[in-house]
PDB file of N, CA and C in Angstrom:
ATOM      1  N   MET A   1       0.884  -1.131  -0.021  1.00  0.00           N
ATOM      2  CA  MET A   1       0.045   0.086  -0.156  1.00  0.00           C
ATOM      3  C   MET A   1       0.848   1.240   0.044  1.00  0.00           C
ATOM      4  N   LYS A   2       0.858   2.210  -0.882  1.00  0.00           N
ATOM      5  CA  LYS A   2       1.192   3.206  -0.827  1.00  0.00           C
ATOM      6  C   LYS A   2       0.728   4.352   0.126  1.00  0.00           C
ATOM      7  N   ILE A   3       1.702   5.536   0.369  1.00  0.00           N
ATOM      8  CA  ILE A   3       1.251   6.300   1.355  1.00  0.00           C
ATOM      9  C   ILE A   3       0.001   7.261   1.135  1.00  0.00           C
ATOM     10  N   GLY A   4       0.067   7.501  -0.096  1.00  0.00           N
ATOM     11  CA  GLY A   4      -1.225   8.005  -0.410  1.00  0.00           C
ATOM     12  C   GLY A   4      -2.487   7.258  -0.239  1.00  0.00           C
ATOM     13  N   GLU A   5      -2.342   6.092  -0.403  1.00  0.00           N
ATOM     14  CA  GLU A   5      -3.767   5.123  -0.317  1.00  0.00           C
ATOM     15  C   GLU A   5      -3.869   5.156   1.636  1.00  0.00           C
ATOM     16  N   VAL A   6      -2.828   5.087   2.092  1.00  0.00           N
ATOM     17  CA  VAL A   6      -2.932   4.897   3.661  1.00  0.00           C
ATOM     18  C   VAL A   6      -3.559   6.028   3.979  1.00  0.00           C
ATOM     19  N   ILE A   7      -2.860   7.304   3.508  1.00  0.00           N
ATOM     20  CA  ILE A   7      -3.434   8.743   4.123  1.00  0.00           C
ATOM     21  C   ILE A   7      -4.879   8.902   3.902  1.00  0.00           C
ATOM     22  N   SER A   8      -5.199   8.216   2.582  1.00  0.00           N
ATOM     23  CA  SER A   8      -6.706   8.458   2.195  1.00  0.00           C
ATOM     24  C   SER A   8      -7.790   7.696   3.030  1.00  0.00           C
ATOM     25  N   ARG A   9      -7.360   6.533   3.248  1.00  0.00           N
ATOM     26  CA  ARG A   9      -7.874   5.525   4.389  1.00  0.00           C
ATOM     27  C   ARG A   9      -7.988   6.210   5.373  1.00  0.00           C
ATOM     28  N   ALA A  10      -7.079   6.630   6.099  1.00  0.00           N
ATOM     29  CA  ALA A  10      -6.717   7.344   7.588  1.00  0.00           C
ATOM     30  C   ALA A  10      -7.817   8.386   7.505  1.00  0.00           C
ATOM     31  N   ARG A  11      -7.837   9.174   6.389  1.00  0.00           N
ATOM     32  CA  ARG A  11      -8.711  10.291   6.436  1.00  0.00           C
ATOM     33  C   ARG A  11     -10.060   9.857   6.477  1.00  0.00           C
ATOM     34  N   ARG A  12     -10.723   9.109   5.721  1.00  0.00           N
ATOM     35  CA  ARG A  12     -11.828   8.359   5.732  1.00  0.00           C
ATOM     36  C   ARG A  12     -12.607   7.784   6.947  1.00  0.00           C
ATOM     37  N   ALA A  13     -11.357   7.346   7.524  1.00  0.00           N
ATOM     38  CA  ALA A  13     -11.599   6.669   9.016  1.00  0.00           C
ATOM     39  C   ALA A  13     -11.831   7.646   9.663  1.00  0.00           C
ATOM     40  N   ALA A  14     -11.036   8.656   9.926  1.00  0.00           N
ATOM     41  CA  ALA A  14     -11.294   9.743  10.705  1.00  0.00           C
ATOM     42  C   ALA A  14     -12.755  10.520  10.512  1.00  0.00           C
ATOM     43  N   GLY A  15     -13.019  10.346   9.259  1.00  0.00           N
ATOM     44  CA  GLY A  15     -14.585  11.078   9.110  1.00  0.00           C
ATOM     45  C   GLY A  15     -14.224  12.596   8.616  1.00  0.00           C
ATOM     46  N   LEU A  16     -12.853  12.630   7.934  1.00  0.00           N
ATOM     47  CA  LEU A  16     -12.511  13.922   7.545  1.00  0.00           C
ATOM     48  C   LEU A  16     -12.888  13.770   5.972  1.00  0.00           C
ATOM     49  N   LYS A  17     -13.355  15.108   5.335  1.00  0.00           N
ATOM     50  CA  LYS A  17     -13.328  15.385   3.913  1.00  0.00           C
ATOM     51  C   LYS A  17     -11.655  15.741   3.585  1.00  0.00           C
ATOM     52  N   GLN A  18     -11.698  15.602   2.235  1.00  0.00           N
ATOM     53  CA  GLN A  18     -10.097  16.339   2.114  1.00  0.00           C
ATOM     54  C   GLN A  18      -9.771  17.496   2.310  1.00  0.00           C
ATOM     55  N   LYS A  19     -11.054  18.572   1.902  1.00  0.00           N
ATOM     56  CA  LYS A  19     -10.789  19.817   2.388  1.00  0.00           C
ATOM     57  C   LYS A  19     -10.556  20.265   3.939  1.00  0.00           C
ATOM     58  N   GLU A  20     -11.066  19.365   4.563  1.00  0.00           N
ATOM     59  CA  GLU A  20     -11.091  19.497   5.830  1.00  0.00           C
ATOM     60  C   GLU A  20      -9.663  19.091   6.579  1.00  0.00           C
ATOM     61  N   LEU A  21      -9.020  18.091   5.984  1.00  0.00           N
ATOM     62  CA  LEU A  21      -7.804  17.492   6.223  1.00  0.00           C
ATOM     63  C   LEU A  21      -6.674  18.694   5.758  1.00  0.00           C
ATOM     64  N   ALA A  22      -6.960  19.068   4.354  1.00  0.00           N
ATOM     65  CA  ALA A  22      -5.884  19.822   4.073  1.00  0.00           C
ATOM     66  C   ALA A  22      -5.875  21.277   4.791  1.00  0.00           C
ATOM     67  N   ALA A  23      -6.990  21.794   5.165  1.00  0.00           N
ATOM     68  CA  ALA A  23      -6.946  22.934   5.837  1.00  0.00           C
ATOM     69  C   ALA A  23      -6.439  22.486   7.447  1.00  0.00           C
ATOM     70  N   ALA A  24      -6.688  21.438   7.933  1.00  0.00           N
ATOM     71  CA  ALA A  24      -5.927  21.055   9.310  1.00  0.00           C
ATOM     72  C   ALA A  24      -4.366  20.923   9.115  1.00  0.00           C
ATOM     73  N   ALA A  25      -4.042  20.366   8.016  1.00  0.00           N
ATOM     74  CA  ALA A  25      -2.618  20.256   7.821  1.00  0.00           C
ATOM     75  C   ALA A  25      -1.894  21.384   7.168  1.00  0.00           C
ATOM     76  N   GLY A  26      -2.566  22.271   6.835  1.00  0.00           N
ATOM     77  CA  GLY A  26      -2.024  23.669   6.123  1.00  0.00           C
ATOM     78  C   GLY A  26      -1.427  23.246   4.842  1.00  0.00           C
ATOM     79  N   VAL A  27      -1.972  22.434   3.985  1.00  0.00           N
ATOM     80  CA  VAL A  27      -1.744  22.061   2.652  1.00  0.00           C
ATOM     81  C   VAL A  27      -2.737  22.513   1.763  1.00  0.00           C
ATOM     82  N   HIS A  28      -2.397  22.622   0.591  1.00  0.00           N
ATOM     83  CA  HIS A  28      -3.289  22.833  -0.581  1.00  0.00           C
ATOM     84  C   HIS A  28      -4.322  21.518  -0.794  1.00  0.00           C
ATOM     85  N   VAL A  29      -5.411  21.689  -0.711  1.00  0.00           N
ATOM     86  CA  VAL A  29      -6.486  20.437  -1.131  1.00  0.00           C
ATOM     87  C   VAL A  29      -6.023  19.618  -2.460  1.00  0.00           C
ATOM     88  N   GLN A  30      -5.349  20.759  -3.705  1.00  0.00           N
ATOM     89  CA  GLN A  30      -4.852  19.868  -4.730  1.00  0.00           C
ATOM     90  C   GLN A  30      -3.792  19.018  -4.539  1.00  0.00           C
ATOM     91  N   THR A  31      -2.944  19.342  -3.421  1.00  0.00           N
ATOM     92  CA  THR A  31      -1.933  18.489  -3.086  1.00  0.00           C
ATOM     93  C   THR A  31      -2.170  17.194  -2.423  1.00  0.00           C
ATOM     94  N   LEU A  32      -3.095  17.212  -1.649  1.00  0.00           N
ATOM     95  CA  LEU A  32      -3.772  16.250  -0.828  1.00  0.00           C
ATOM     96  C   LEU A  32      -4.429  15.272  -1.883  1.00  0.00           C
ATOM     97  N   LYS A  33      -5.098  15.787  -2.830  1.00  0.00           N
ATOM     98  CA  LYS A  33      -5.977  15.070  -3.799  1.00  0.00           C
ATOM     99  C   LYS A  33      -4.702  14.244  -4.818  1.00  0.00           C
ATOM    100  N   ARG A  34      -3.539  15.103  -5.111  1.00  0.00           N
ATOM    101  CA  ARG A  34      -2.612  14.334  -5.867  1.00  0.00           C
ATOM    102  C   ARG A  34      -2.016  13.144  -5.368  1.00  0.00           C
ATOM    103  N   LEU A  35      -1.843  13.415  -3.737  1.00  0.00           N
ATOM    104  CA  LEU A  35      -1.167  12.441  -3.202  1.00  0.00           C
ATOM    105  C   LEU A  35      -2.285  10.977  -2.945  1.00  0.00           C
ATOM    106  N   GLU A  36      -3.151  11.363  -2.685  1.00  0.00           N
ATOM    107  CA  GLU A  36      -4.039  10.268  -2.754  1.00  0.00           C
ATOM    108  C   GLU A  36      -4.449   9.432  -3.956  1.00  0.00           C
ATOM    109  N   GLY A  37      -4.175  10.374  -4.878  1.00  0.00           N
ATOM    110  CA  GLY A  37      -4.451   9.728  -6.288  1.00  0.00           C
ATOM    111  C   GLY A  37      -3.221   8.845  -6.823  1.00  0.00           C
ATOM    112  N   GLY A  38      -1.953   8.990  -6.068  1.00  0.00           N
ATOM    113  CA  GLY A  38      -1.181   8.220  -6.539  1.00  0.00           C
ATOM    114  C   GLY A  38       0.253   8.846  -6.585  1.00  0.00           C
ATOM    115  N   ALA A  39       0.406  10.270  -6.596  1.00  0.00           N
ATOM    116  CA  ALA A  39       1.497  11.159  -6.764  1.00  0.00           C
ATOM    117  C   ALA A  39       2.438  11.035  -5.814  1.00  0.00           C
ATOM    118  N   GLY A  40       3.734  11.396  -5.421  1.00  0.00           N
ATOM    119  CA  GLY A  40       4.431  11.477  -4.570  1.00  0.00           C
ATOM    120  C   GLY A  40       4.364  12.971  -3.958  1.00  0.00           C
ATOM    121  N   ALA A  41       4.752  13.155  -2.732  1.00  0.00           N
ATOM    122  CA  ALA A  41       4.873  14.489  -1.757  1.00  0.00           C
ATOM    123  C   ALA A  41       6.037  14.506  -1.099  1.00  0.00           C
ATOM    124  N   GLY A  42       6.375  15.783  -0.670  1.00  0.00           N
ATOM    125  CA  GLY A  42       7.681  15.628   0.092  1.00  0.00           C
ATOM    126  C   GLY A  42       7.468  15.398   1.793  1.00  0.00           C
ATOM    127  N   TYR A  43       8.146  14.952   2.233  1.00  0.00           N
ATOM    128  CA  TYR A  43       8.409  14.601   3.811  1.00  0.00           C
ATOM    129  C   TYR A  43       7.526  15.558   4.484  1.00  0.00           C
ATOM    130  N   SER A  44       7.883  17.018   4.429  1.00  0.00           N
ATOM    131  CA  SER A  44       7.097  17.966   5.144  1.00  0.00           C
ATOM    132  C   SER A  44       5.478  17.889   5.087  1.00  0.00           C
ATOM    133  N   THR A  45       5.236  17.650   3.730  1.00  0.00           N
ATOM    134  CA  THR A  45       3.720  17.452   3.283  1.00  0.00           C
ATOM    135  C   THR A  45       3.220  16.303   4.243  1.00  0.00           C
ATOM    136  N   VAL A  46       3.765  15.255   4.056  1.00  0.00           N
ATOM    137  CA  VAL A  46       3.420  13.897   4.565  1.00  0.00           C
ATOM    138  C   VAL A  46       3.146  13.992   6.161  1.00  0.00           C
ATOM    139  N   ARG A  47       4.520  14.570   6.595  1.00  0.00           N
ATOM    140  CA  ARG A  47       4.262  14.889   8.120  1.00  0.00           C
ATOM    141  C   ARG A  47       3.415  15.713   8.548  1.00  0.00           C
ATOM    142  N   ALA A  48       2.923  16.827   7.808  1.00  0.00           N
ATOM    143  CA  ALA A  48       2.028  17.889   8.371  1.00  0.00           C
ATOM    144  C   ALA A  48       0.792  16.963   8.183  1.00  0.00           C
ATOM    145  N   LEU A  49       0.255  16.085   7.357  1.00  0.00           N
ATOM    146  CA  LEU A  49      -0.940  15.357   7.099  1.00  0.00           C
ATOM    147  C   LEU A  49      -0.772  14.428   8.318  1.00  0.00           C
ATOM    148  N   GLU A  50       0.301  13.596   8.485  1.00  0.00           N
ATOM    149  CA  GLU A  50       0.000  12.710   9.668  1.00  0.00           C
ATOM    150  C   GLU A  50      -0.067  13.346  11.011  1.00  0.00           C
ATOM    151  N   LYS A  51       0.170  14.583  11.042  1.00  0.00           N
ATOM    152  CA  LYS A  51       0.140  15.208  12.589  1.00  0.00           C
ATOM    153  C   LYS A  51      -1.214  15.320  12.537  1.00  0.00           C
ATOM    154  N   ALA A  52      -1.936  16.184  11.547  1.00  0.00           N
ATOM    155  CA  ALA A  52      -3.532  16.358  11.594  1.00  0.00           C
ATOM    156  C   ALA A  52      -4.465  15.275  11.556  1.00  0.00           C
ATOM    157  N   LEU A  53      -3.855  14.288  10.911  1.00  0.00           N
ATOM    158  CA  LEU A  53      -4.660  12.917  10.959  1.00  0.00           C
ATOM    159  C   LEU A  53      -4.773  12.206  12.589  1.00  0.00           C
ATOM    160  N   GLY A  54      -3.476  12.457  13.343  1.00  0.00           N
ATOM    161  CA  GLY A  54      -3.382  11.848  14.620  1.00  0.00           C
ATOM    162  C   GLY A  54      -4.111  12.683  15.498  1.00  0.00           C
ATOM    163  N   LYS A  55      -4.132  13.985  15.339  1.00  0.00           N
ATOM    164  CA  LYS A  55      -5.612  14.661  15.966  1.00  0.00           C
ATOM    165  C   LYS A  55      -6.699  14.068  15.870  1.00  0.00           C
ATOM    166  N   ALA A  56      -7.085  13.619  14.755  1.00  0.00           N
ATOM    167  CA  ALA A  56      -8.148  13.270  14.458  1.00  0.00           C
ATOM    168  C   ALA A  56      -8.604  11.626  14.958  1.00  0.00           C
ATOM    169  N   GLY A  57      -7.253  11.009  15.504  1.00  0.00           N
ATOM    170  CA  GLY A  57      -7.401   9.840  15.866  1.00  0.00           C
ATOM    171  C   GLY A  57      -6.931   8.844  14.639  1.00  0.00           C
ATOM    172  N   ALA A  58      -6.356   9.019  13.736  1.00  0.00           N
ATOM    173  CA  ALA A  58      -6.040   7.634  12.994  1.00  0.00           C
ATOM    174  C   ALA A  58      -4.331   7.994  12.724  1.00  0.00           C
ATOM    175  N   THR A  59      -3.514   7.358  12.788  1.00  0.00           N
ATOM    176  CA  THR A  59      -2.317   7.078  12.665  1.00  0.00           C
ATOM    177  C   THR A  59      -1.768   5.961  11.976  1.00  0.00           C
ATOM    178  N   TRP A  60      -0.646   5.981  11.679  1.00  0.00           N
ATOM    179  CA  TRP A  60       0.208   4.486  10.994  1.00  0.00           C
ATOM    180  C   TRP A  60       1.452   4.182  11.311  1.00  0.00           C
ATOM    181  N   THR A  61       1.737   3.338  11.125  1.00  0.00           N
ATOM    182  CA  THR A  61       3.301   2.876  11.336  1.00  0.00           C
ATOM    183  C   THR A  61       3.849   2.015  10.082  1.00  0.00           C
ATOM    184  N   GLU A  62       4.919   2.487   9.595  1.00  0.00           N
ATOM    185  CA  GLU A  62       5.468   1.745   8.538  1.00  0.00           C
ATOM    186  C   GLU A  62       6.087   0.420   8.926  1.00  0.00           C
ATOM    187  N   THR A  63       5.537  -0.626   8.026  1.00  0.00           N
ATOM    188  CA  THR A  63       6.222  -2.092   8.358  1.00  0.00           C
ATOM    189  C   THR A  63       7.142  -2.614   7.147  1.00  0.00           C
ATOM    190  N   GLU A  64       7.628  -3.796   7.353  1.00  0.00           N
ATOM    191  CA  GLU A  64       8.201  -4.467   6.188  1.00  0.00           C
ATOM    192  C   GLU A  64       7.521  -4.644   4.926  1.00  0.00           C
ATOM    193  N   ASP A  65       6.085  -4.822   5.128  1.00  0.00           N
ATOM    194  CA  ASP A  65       5.089  -5.289   3.993  1.00  0.00           C
ATOM    195  C   ASP A  65       4.450  -3.755   3.586  1.00  0.00           C
ATOM    196  N   GLY A  66       4.632  -2.679   4.059  1.00  0.00           N
ATOM    197  CA  GLY A  66       3.879  -1.384   3.858  1.00  0.00           C
ATOM    198  C   GLY A  66       3.773  -0.443   5.210  1.00  0.00           C
ATOM    199  N   TYR A  67       2.168  -0.197   5.310  1.00  0.00           N
ATOM    200  CA  TYR A  67       1.872   0.469   6.548  1.00  0.00           C
ATOM    201  C   TYR A  67       0.714  -0.208   7.278  1.00  0.00           C
ATOM    202  N   GLU A  68       0.833   0.061   8.572  1.00  0.00           N
ATOM    203  CA  GLU A  68      -0.322  -0.684   9.328  1.00  0.00           C
ATOM    204  C   GLU A  68      -0.965   0.591   9.610  1.00  0.00           C
ATOM    205  N   LEU A  69      -2.532   0.564   9.462  1.00  0.00           N
ATOM    206  CA  LEU A  69      -3.088   1.625   9.968  1.00  0.00           C
ATOM    207  C   LEU A  69      -4.001   1.614  11.176  1.00  0.00           C
ATOM    208  N   HIS A  70      -3.823   2.560  12.185  1.00  0.00           N
ATOM    209  CA  HIS A  70      -4.332   2.680  13.564  1.00  0.00           C
ATOM    210  C   HIS A  70      -5.492   3.643  13.441  1.00  0.00           C
ATOM    211  N   VAL A  71      -6.732   3.287  13.823  1.00  0.00           N
ATOM    212  CA  VAL A  71      -7.767   4.395  14.120  1.00  0.00           C
ATOM    213  C   VAL A  71      -8.193   4.060  15.544  1.00  0.00           C
ATOM    214  N   LEU A  72      -8.037   5.388  16.382  1.00  0.00           N
ATOM    215  CA  LEU A  72      -8.827   5.450  17.685  1.00  0.00           C
ATOM    216  C   LEU A  72     -10.512   5.913  17.297  1.00  0.00           C
ATOM    217  N   LEU A  73     -11.418   5.255  17.643  1.00  0.00           N
ATOM    218  CA  LEU A  73     -12.853   5.150  17.394  1.00  0.00           C
ATOM    219  C   LEU A  73     -13.315   6.166  18.802  1.00  0.00           C
ATOM    220  N   LYS A  74     -13.758   7.308  18.715  1.00  0.00           N
ATOM    221  CA  LYS A  74     -14.370   7.982  19.839  1.00  0.00           C
ATOM    222  C   LYS A  74     -15.421   7.875  20.030  1.00  0.00           C
ATOM    223  N   SER A  75     -16.066   7.925  21.204  1.00  0.00           N
ATOM    224  CA  SER A  75     -17.332   7.581  21.653  1.00  0.00           C
ATOM    225  C   SER A  75     -18.024   8.763  21.465  1.00  0.00           C
ATOM    226  N   MET A  76     -19.340   9.047  20.888  1.00  0.00           N
ATOM    227  CA  MET A  76     -19.899   9.953  20.887  1.00  0.00           C
ATOM    228  C   MET A  76     -21.216  10.052  21.791  1.00  0.00           C
ATOM    229  N   LYS A  77     -20.783  11.204  22.741  1.00  0.00           N
ATOM    230  CA  LYS A  77     -21.553  11.243  23.859  1.00  0.00           C
ATOM    231  C   LYS A  77     -22.626  12.644  23.869  1.00  0.00           C
TER     232      LYS A  77
END
Protein backbone atom coordinates (compact mmCIF):
# COMPACT_ATOMS: atom_id res chain seq x y z
CA MET A 1 0.00 0.00 0.00
CA LYS A 2 1.40 3.42 -0.95
CA ILE A 3 1.42 6.34 1.46
CA GLY A 4 -1.32 8.14 -0.51
CA GLU A 5 -3.67 5.20 -0.01
CA VAL A 6 -2.81 5.07 3.69
CA ILE A 7 -3.58 8.77 4.07
CA SER A 8 -6.83 8.38 2.15
CA ARG A 9 -7.95 5.49 4.33
CA ALA A 10 -6.90 7.27 7.52
CA ARG A 11 -8.76 10.41 6.45
CA ARG A 12 -11.95 8.49 5.71
CA ALA A 13 -11.66 6.50 8.95
CA ALA A 14 -11.33 9.77 10.85
CA GLY A 15 -14.47 11.07 9.12
CA LEU A 16 -12.70 13.95 7.38
CA LYS A 17 -13.23 15.37 3.90
CA GLN A 18 -10.19 16.20 1.80
CA LYS A 19 -10.82 19.92 2.25
CA GLU A 20 -11.00 19.53 6.04
CA LEU A 21 -7.79 17.51 6.29
CA ALA A 22 -5.92 19.84 3.94
CA ALA A 23 -6.95 22.86 6.02
CA ALA A 24 -6.00 21.14 9.29
CA ALA A 25 -2.59 20.19 7.89
CA GLY A 26 -1.94 23.53 6.20
CA VAL A 27 -1.55 22.02 2.74
CA HIS A 28 -3.38 22.81 -0.47
CA VAL A 29 -6.33 20.53 -1.17
CA GLN A 30 -4.97 19.83 -4.68
CA THR A 31 -1.75 18.54 -3.11
CA LEU A 32 -3.76 16.14 -0.96
CA LYS A 33 -5.85 15.01 -3.94
CA ARG A 34 -2.71 14.29 -5.98
CA LEU A 35 -1.11 12.42 -3.09
CA GLU A 36 -4.21 10.29 -2.52
CA GLY A 37 -4.30 9.68 -6.27
CA GLY A 38 -0.83 8.13 -6.26
CA ALA A 39 1.55 11.07 -6.76
CA GLY A 40 4.47 11.57 -4.45
CA ALA A 41 4.82 14.29 -1.85
CA GLY A 42 7.58 15.81 0.19
CA TYR A 43 8.42 14.72 3.71
CA SER A 44 7.09 17.94 5.26
CA THR A 45 3.72 17.53 3.51
CA VAL A 46 3.33 13.92 4.63
CA ARG A 47 4.42 14.84 8.16
CA ALA A 48 1.87 17.70 8.34
CA LEU A 49 -0.88 15.34 7.19
CA GLU A 50 0.27 12.72 9.70
CA LYS A 51 0.06 15.23 12.56
CA ALA A 52 -3.42 16.41 11.52
CA LEU A 53 -4.68 12.84 11.18
CA GLY A 54 -3.18 11.95 14.56
CA LYS A 55 -5.24 14.69 16.20
CA ALA A 56 -8.31 13.15 14.55
CA GLY A 57 -7.45 9.70 15.95
CA ALA A 58 -5.86 8.03 12.91
CA THR A 59 -2.18 7.06 12.77
CA TRP A 60 -0.02 4.58 10.91
CA THR A 61 3.29 2.82 11.26
CA GLU A 62 5.60 1.66 8.52
CA THR A 63 6.21 -2.08 8.38
CA GLU A 64 8.27 -4.37 6.17
CA ASP A 65 5.21 -4.98 4.01
CA GLY A 66 3.96 -1.38 3.76
CA TYR A 67 1.94 0.43 6.41
CA GLU A 68 -0.30 -0.50 9.31
CA LEU A 69 -3.22 1.84 9.95
CA HIS A 70 -4.46 2.53 13.50
CA VAL A 71 -7.72 4.34 14.16
CA LEU A 72 -9.01 5.43 17.56
CA LEU A 73 -12.78 5.46 17.45
CA LYS A 74 -14.09 8.12 19.78
CA SER A 75 -17.38 7.56 21.53
CA MET A 76 -20.13 10.02 20.75
CA LYS A 77 -21.74 11.30 23.94
